[in-house]
C-alpha atoms as a PDB file:
ATOM      1  CA  MET A   1       0.074   0.402  -0.053  1.00  0.00           C
ATOM      2  CA  LYS A   2       3.131   2.135   1.332  1.00  0.00           C
ATOM      3  CA  LYS A   3       4.395   1.605  -2.657  1.00  0.00           C
ATOM      4  CA  LEU A   4       1.048   2.676  -4.171  1.00  0.00           C
ATOM      5  CA  SER A   5       0.744   5.910  -2.617  1.00  0.00           C
ATOM      6  CA  VAL A   6       4.200   6.866  -3.931  1.00  0.00           C
ATOM      7  CA  LEU A   7       4.094   6.023  -6.701  1.00  0.00           C
ATOM      8  CA  ILE A   8       0.030   7.529  -7.389  1.00  0.00           C
ATOM      9  CA  LEU A   9       2.201  11.249  -6.223  1.00  0.00           C
ATOM     10  CA  PHE A  10       5.074  10.258  -8.126  1.00  0.00           C
ATOM     11  CA  LEU A  11       2.453   9.542 -11.069  1.00  0.00           C
ATOM     12  CA  PRO A  12       1.911  13.585 -12.558  1.00  0.00           C
ATOM     13  CA  ALA A  13       6.223  13.848 -12.634  1.00  0.00           C
ATOM     14  CA  LEU A  14       6.522  10.809 -13.841  1.00  0.00           C
ATOM     15  CA  LEU A  15       3.445  11.156 -16.839  1.00  0.00           C
ATOM     16  CA  SER A  16       4.262  15.009 -17.721  1.00  0.00           C
ATOM     17  CA  ALA A  17       7.653  14.502 -18.091  1.00  0.00           C
ATOM     18  CA  HIS A  18       9.532  15.396 -21.861  1.00  0.00           C
ATOM     19  CA  GLY A  19      13.153  15.704 -23.460  1.00  0.00           C
ATOM     20  CA  ILE A  20      15.219  18.961 -24.120  1.00  0.00           C
ATOM     21  CA  SER A  21      14.976  19.675 -28.965  1.00  0.00           C
ATOM     22  CA  GLY A  22      17.945  22.051 -29.493  1.00  0.00           C
ATOM     23  CA  GLU A  23      17.992  24.042 -32.588  1.00  0.00           C
ATOM     24  CA  VAL A  24      21.522  26.072 -34.308  1.00  0.00           C
ATOM     25  CA  GLN A  25      20.959  29.131 -36.312  1.00  0.00           C
ATOM     26  CA  GLN A  26      24.290  30.190 -37.434  1.00  0.00           C
ATOM     27  CA  LEU A  27      26.100  33.849 -38.737  1.00  0.00           C
ATOM     28  CA  ASN A  28      28.969  33.433 -39.348  1.00  0.00           C
ATOM     29  CA  GLU A  29      30.958  33.531 -35.954  1.00  0.00           C
ATOM     30  CA  ILE A  30      27.591  33.901 -34.103  1.00  0.00           C
ATOM     31  CA  VAL A  31      25.722  31.075 -32.939  1.00  0.00           C
ATOM     32  CA  VAL A  32      22.334  31.039 -31.978  1.00  0.00           C
ATOM     33  CA  VAL A  33      21.595  27.532 -29.828  1.00  0.00           C
ATOM     34  CA  ARG A  34      17.647  27.585 -28.331  1.00  0.00           C
ATOM     35  CA  PHE A  35      16.714  24.793 -26.208  1.00  0.00           C
ATOM     36  CA  SER A  36      12.787  23.925 -25.777  1.00  0.00           C
ATOM     37  CA  TYR A  37      10.678  20.938 -24.210  1.00  0.00           C
ATOM     38  CA  GLU A  38       9.526  18.565 -26.950  1.00  0.00           C
ATOM     39  CA  ASP A  39       5.970  20.607 -26.393  1.00  0.00           C
ATOM     40  CA  GLY A  40       8.267  23.835 -28.211  1.00  0.00           C
ATOM     41  CA  GLU A  41       7.902  24.846 -24.395  1.00  0.00           C
ATOM     42  CA  PRO A  42      11.005  27.202 -24.508  1.00  0.00           C
ATOM     43  CA  LEU A  43      14.185  26.611 -21.056  1.00  0.00           C
ATOM     44  CA  PRO A  44      14.561  29.360 -19.372  1.00  0.00           C
ATOM     45  CA  MET A  45      17.471  29.531 -17.316  1.00  0.00           C
ATOM     46  CA  ALA A  46      18.651  26.785 -17.587  1.00  0.00           C
ATOM     47  CA  LYS A  47      22.795  25.618 -17.224  1.00  0.00           C
ATOM     48  CA  VAL A  48      24.379  26.129 -20.802  1.00  0.00           C
ATOM     49  CA  THR A  49      28.122  24.697 -21.419  1.00  0.00           C
ATOM     50  CA  ILE A  50      30.030  25.482 -24.547  1.00  0.00           C
ATOM     51  CA  PHE A  51      33.213  22.972 -25.189  1.00  0.00           C
ATOM     52  CA  PHE A  52      35.871  23.596 -27.979  1.00  0.00           C
ATOM     53  CA  ASN A  53      38.008  20.589 -29.460  1.00  0.00           C
ATOM     54  CA  GLU A  54      36.559  19.098 -25.908  1.00  0.00           C
ATOM     55  CA  SER A  55      37.457  22.169 -23.586  1.00  0.00           C
ATOM     56  CA  GLU A  56      35.746  24.963 -21.574  1.00  0.00           C
ATOM     57  CA  TYR A  57      34.847  26.990 -24.103  1.00  0.00           C
ATOM     58  CA  GLN A  58      32.271  29.503 -21.887  1.00  0.00           C
ATOM     59  CA  ASN A  59      28.994  28.679 -19.348  1.00  0.00           C
ATOM     60  CA  GLY A  60      26.604  31.141 -18.935  1.00  0.00           C
ATOM     61  CA  ARG A  61      22.524  30.581 -18.761  1.00  0.00           C
ATOM     62  CA  THR A  62      19.346  30.385 -21.127  1.00  0.00           C
ATOM     63  CA  ASP A  63      17.787  33.221 -21.504  1.00  0.00           C
ATOM     64  CA  LEU A  64      13.701  34.025 -20.867  1.00  0.00           C
ATOM     65  CA  ASN A  65      12.615  32.054 -23.720  1.00  0.00           C
ATOM     66  CA  GLY A  66      15.540  29.640 -24.242  1.00  0.00           C
ATOM     67  CA  TYR A  67      18.105  30.903 -26.168  1.00  0.00           C
ATOM     68  CA  PHE A  68      21.703  30.681 -25.410  1.00  0.00           C
ATOM     69  CA  VAL A  69      24.030  32.874 -27.839  1.00  0.00           C
ATOM     70  CA  PHE A  70      27.934  32.539 -28.528  1.00  0.00           C
ATOM     71  CA  LEU A  71      31.251  33.664 -30.282  1.00  0.00           C
ATOM     72  CA  ALA A  72      32.830  30.584 -31.703  1.00  0.00           C
ATOM     73  CA  LYS A  73      36.211  31.724 -32.629  1.00  0.00           C
ATOM     74  CA  GLU A  74      37.457  29.149 -34.409  1.00  0.00           C
ATOM     75  CA  LYS A  75      37.480  26.114 -36.543  1.00  0.00           C
ATOM     76  CA  GLY A  76      36.743  22.901 -34.874  1.00  0.00           C
ATOM     77  CA  SER A  77      34.699  21.130 -33.547  1.00  0.00           C
ATOM     78  CA  TRP A  78      32.062  22.587 -30.351  1.00  0.00           C
ATOM     79  CA  LYS A  79      30.334  21.255 -28.215  1.00  0.00           C
ATOM     80  CA  VAL A  80      26.698  22.504 -25.868  1.00  0.00           C
ATOM     81  CA  GLU A  81      24.943  20.979 -23.083  1.00  0.00           C
ATOM     82  CA  CYS A  82      22.037  22.412 -21.211  1.00  0.00           C
ATOM     83  CA  ASP A  83      21.060  20.901 -18.468  1.00  0.00           C
ATOM     84  CA  ASP A  84      17.959  22.505 -16.469  1.00  0.00           C
ATOM     85  CA  GLN A  85      18.824  21.062 -13.588  1.00  0.00           C
ATOM     86  CA  LEU A  86      15.868  18.600 -13.918  1.00  0.00           C
ATOM     87  CA  GLY A  87      16.660  15.975 -14.910  1.00  0.00           C
ATOM     88  CA  HIS A  88      16.820  16.540 -18.339  1.00  0.00           C
ATOM     89  CA  LYS A  89      20.277  17.785 -19.881  1.00  0.00           C
ATOM     90  CA  LYS A  90      20.809  17.471 -23.912  1.00  0.00           C
ATOM     91  CA  VAL A  91      24.276  17.777 -26.624  1.00  0.00           C
ATOM     92  CA  LEU A  92      24.679  19.693 -29.194  1.00  0.00           C
ATOM     93  CA  LYS A  93      27.852  19.035 -31.848  1.00  0.00           C
ATOM     94  CA  ILE A  94      29.228  22.135 -34.854  1.00  0.00           C
ATOM     95  CA  VAL A  95      30.962  21.728 -36.169  1.00  0.00           C
ATOM     96  CA  VAL A  96      32.848  25.122 -37.520  1.00  0.00           C
ATOM     97  CA  ALA A  97      34.138  24.532 -40.897  1.00  0.00           C
ATOM     98  CA  GLU A  98      35.251  28.270 -41.480  1.00  0.00           C
ATOM     99  CA  LYS A  99      37.534  30.481 -38.979  1.00  0.00           C
ATOM    100  CA  VAL A 100      36.323  34.109 -38.007  1.00  0.00           C
ATOM    101  CA  LYS A 101      37.860  37.145 -38.915  1.00  0.00           C
ATOM    102  CA  GLN A 102      38.282  39.991 -36.895  1.00  0.00           C
ATOM    103  CA  GLU A 103      36.914  42.514 -39.563  1.00  0.00           C
ATOM    104  CA  LYS A 104      34.050  39.616 -39.116  1.00  0.00           C
ATOM    105  CA  MET A 105      33.652  40.028 -35.822  1.00  0.00           C
ATOM    106  CA  GLU A 106      33.707  43.635 -36.161  1.00  0.00           C
ATOM    107  CA  THR A 107      30.640  44.130 -38.845  1.00  0.00           C
ATOM    108  CA  ALA A 108      28.091  42.145 -36.652  1.00  0.00           C
ATOM    109  CA  ILE A 109      29.698  44.944 -33.318  1.00  0.00           C
ATOM    110  CA  ARG A 110      28.757  47.609 -35.802  1.00  0.00           C
ATOM    111  CA  GLN A 111      25.654  46.529 -37.316  1.00  0.00           C
ATOM    112  CA  PHE A 112      24.562  45.494 -33.818  1.00  0.00           C
ATOM    113  CA  SER A 113      25.252  48.636 -32.974  1.00  0.00           C
ATOM    114  CA  LEU A 114      23.495  50.108 -35.186  1.00  0.00           C
ATOM    115  CA  PHE A 115      20.029  49.237 -33.925  1.00  0.00           C
ATOM    116  CA  GLU A 116      21.102  49.485 -30.490  1.00  0.00           C
ATOM    117  CA  ASN A 117      21.179  53.478 -31.799  1.00  0.00           C
ATOM    118  CA  LEU A 118      17.258  52.504 -33.904  1.00  0.00           C
ATOM    119  CA  ALA A 119      15.666  50.851 -30.805  1.00  0.00           C
ATOM    120  CA  ILE A 120      17.247  54.205 -27.974  1.00  0.00           C
ATOM    121  CA  TYR A 121      15.816  56.880 -30.863  1.00  0.00           C
ATOM    122  CA  VAL A 122      12.878  55.446 -31.055  1.00  0.00           C
ATOM    123  CA  LEU A 123      11.682  54.979 -27.280  1.00  0.00           C
ATOM    124  CA  LYS A 124      13.330  58.381 -26.815  1.00  0.00           C
ATOM    125  CA  ILE A 125      10.569  59.588 -29.847  1.00  0.00           C
ATOM    126  CA  PHE A 126       7.362  56.899 -28.307  1.00  0.00           C
ATOM    127  CA  LEU A 127       8.502  58.754 -24.000  1.00  0.00           C
ATOM    128  CA  THR A 128       8.479  62.335 -26.158  1.00  0.00           C
ATOM    129  CA  LEU A 129       4.958  61.991 -27.934  1.00  0.00           C
ATOM    130  CA  LEU A 130       3.803  60.357 -24.290  1.00  0.00           C
ATOM    131  CA  ALA A 131       4.806  63.441 -22.127  1.00  0.00           C
ATOM    132  CA  ILE A 132       3.254  65.713 -24.924  1.00  0.00           C
ATOM    133  CA  TYR A 133       0.148  63.845 -24.658  1.00  0.00           C
ATOM    134  CA  LEU A 134       0.274  64.001 -20.902  1.00  0.00           C
ATOM    135  CA  VAL A 135       1.194  67.414 -20.827  1.00  0.00           C
ATOM    136  CA  PHE A 136      -2.115  67.697 -23.057  1.00  0.00           C
ATOM    137  CA  LYS A 137      -4.052  65.917 -20.426  1.00  0.00           C
ATOM    138  CA  ILE A 138      -3.333  68.141 -17.429  1.00  0.00           C
ATOM    139  CA  TYR A 139      -4.050  71.093 -19.015  1.00  0.00           C
ATOM    140  CA  LEU A 140      -7.289  69.953 -20.726  1.00  0.00           C
ATOM    141  CA  LYS A 141      -7.698  69.011 -16.755  1.00  0.00           C
ATOM    142  CA  ILE A 142      -6.836  72.711 -15.582  1.00  0.00           C
ATOM    143  CA  LYS A 143      -8.736  74.014 -18.299  1.00  0.00           C
ATOM    144  CA  ARG A 144     -11.845  72.658 -17.459  1.00  0.00           C
END
């Protein structure tokens, strides 16, 4: 009877157990990996370890949407390990065939910087328009 009650207690956890899948996208030296459960739910804050030629290169955690990004600065074998620390693990192997050149990295950084500046500019415009709206609304309230 005791074994049955333990089984019933853990049955929901056993039935909901599922594996991890991983998707890799590569743009030059930038490697984007997205980890999710098999049902598509992302793995937020999962532990990620990157290995280059079997030596640990970098570690960190996925973002809230299951993404982890790193720069593959050398050609060779890369291994990405993901662990949600709930018993689910996934290992992905990536082969980078072309050695990354410094100018490619600088171009990617410039492109990101341009996007970041554009986002800040749009945010400033939005906040300015919001301030004008609020001042106008207060003015109308005082005028009544």
